[in-house]
Amino acid sequence: MKARVLTLALEKDGACVVLDDLQARKCAALFDIPLIGSIGLILLAKRKGLIDLAKPKIEGLKAAGLHIDNTMLDRIYMRIGE
């Protein structure tokens, strides 16, 4: 699946992929494919006013099994005021 997403991104000019998997991120970097992670996507949605709060969405991802460094999350929550 990851390989297919990256292949599609290579075929489409201006494409950006959403990736959290470290190996997939490394592969995207090798091919200069722009990417954003799930956390970045949530933060972007908050900045654009599409969601009011990012923290509940991020905590939902954690509950679903996404591994995120808690120190990094603390910095993110401080930066966005949550």
Protein backbone atom coordinates (compact mmCIF):
# COMPACT_ATOMS: atom_id res chain seq x y z
CA MET A 1 0.00 0.00 0.00
CA LYS A 2 2.75 2.47 0.94
CA ALA A 3 4.59 1.80 -2.30
CA ARG A 4 1.42 2.45 -4.28
CA VAL A 5 0.84 5.79 -2.53
CA LEU A 6 4.40 6.87 -3.29
CA THR A 7 4.09 5.71 -6.91
CA LEU A 8 0.92 7.76 -7.34
CA ALA A 9 2.63 10.79 -5.80
CA LEU A 10 5.48 10.49 -8.30
CA GLU A 11 2.99 10.40 -11.17
CA LYS A 12 1.05 13.47 -10.03
CA ASP A 13 2.79 16.86 -10.07
CA GLY A 14 2.33 18.79 -6.84
CA ALA A 15 1.14 15.75 -4.88
CA CYS A 16 1.72 15.54 -1.15
CA VAL A 17 1.34 12.32 0.81
CA VAL A 18 0.19 11.70 4.37
CA LEU A 19 2.65 9.30 6.02
CA ASP A 20 3.47 8.34 9.58
CA ASP A 21 5.48 5.18 8.91
CA LEU A 22 9.21 5.92 9.26
CA GLN A 23 10.30 3.70 6.36
CA ALA A 24 7.69 5.25 4.06
CA ARG A 25 8.84 8.74 5.11
CA LYS A 26 12.44 7.84 4.29
CA CYS A 27 11.39 6.55 0.88
CA ALA A 28 9.39 9.71 0.17
CA ALA A 29 12.41 11.81 1.14
CA LEU A 30 14.60 9.86 -1.29
CA PHE A 31 12.26 10.79 -4.12
CA ASP A 32 11.64 14.37 -2.88
CA ILE A 33 7.94 13.69 -2.40
CA PRO A 34 6.38 16.29 -0.11
CA LEU A 35 4.76 14.73 2.93
CA ILE A 36 2.84 15.55 6.04
CA GLY A 37 2.12 13.30 9.00
CA SER A 38 -1.19 12.77 10.73
CA ILE A 39 -0.29 15.25 13.48
CA GLY A 40 0.71 17.85 10.91
CA LEU A 41 -2.56 17.31 9.08
CA ILE A 42 -4.54 17.85 12.28
CA LEU A 43 -2.56 21.01 13.08
CA LEU A 44 -3.18 22.28 9.55
CA ALA A 45 -6.91 21.65 9.95
CA LYS A 46 -6.90 23.65 13.18
CA ARG A 47 -4.95 26.53 11.58
CA LYS A 48 -7.45 26.64 8.73
CA GLY A 49 -10.39 26.65 11.14
CA LEU A 50 -11.70 23.26 10.05
CA ILE A 51 -11.55 21.94 13.62
CA ASP A 52 -11.70 23.82 16.92
CA LEU A 53 -9.39 21.60 18.96
CA ALA A 54 -6.48 19.44 17.84
CA LYS A 55 -5.76 17.67 21.12
CA PRO A 56 -8.82 15.36 21.09
CA LYS A 57 -8.00 14.28 17.52
CA ILE A 58 -4.37 13.63 18.41
CA GLU A 59 -5.32 11.73 21.55
CA GLY A 60 -7.68 9.64 19.42
CA LEU A 61 -4.77 8.70 17.17
CA LYS A 62 -2.73 7.74 20.23
CA ALA A 63 -5.60 5.60 21.51
CA ALA A 64 -5.74 3.89 18.11
CA GLY A 65 -2.07 2.97 18.38
CA LEU A 66 -0.09 5.80 16.79
CA HIS A 67 3.20 6.11 18.67
CA ILE A 68 3.99 9.74 19.44
CA ASP A 69 6.66 11.05 21.79
CA ASN A 70 4.91 12.62 24.81
CA THR A 71 7.57 15.34 25.17
CA MET A 72 6.98 16.36 21.57
CA LEU A 73 3.22 16.35 22.17
CA ASP A 74 3.62 18.57 25.23
CA ARG A 75 5.52 21.10 23.08
CA ILE A 76 2.87 20.94 20.38
CA TYR A 77 0.04 21.45 22.86
CA MET A 78 1.85 24.42 24.41
CA ARG A 79 2.46 25.93 20.97
CA ILE A 80 -1.21 25.67 19.98
CA GLY A 81 -2.54 26.63 23.40
CA GLU A 82 -4.24 23.36 24.26
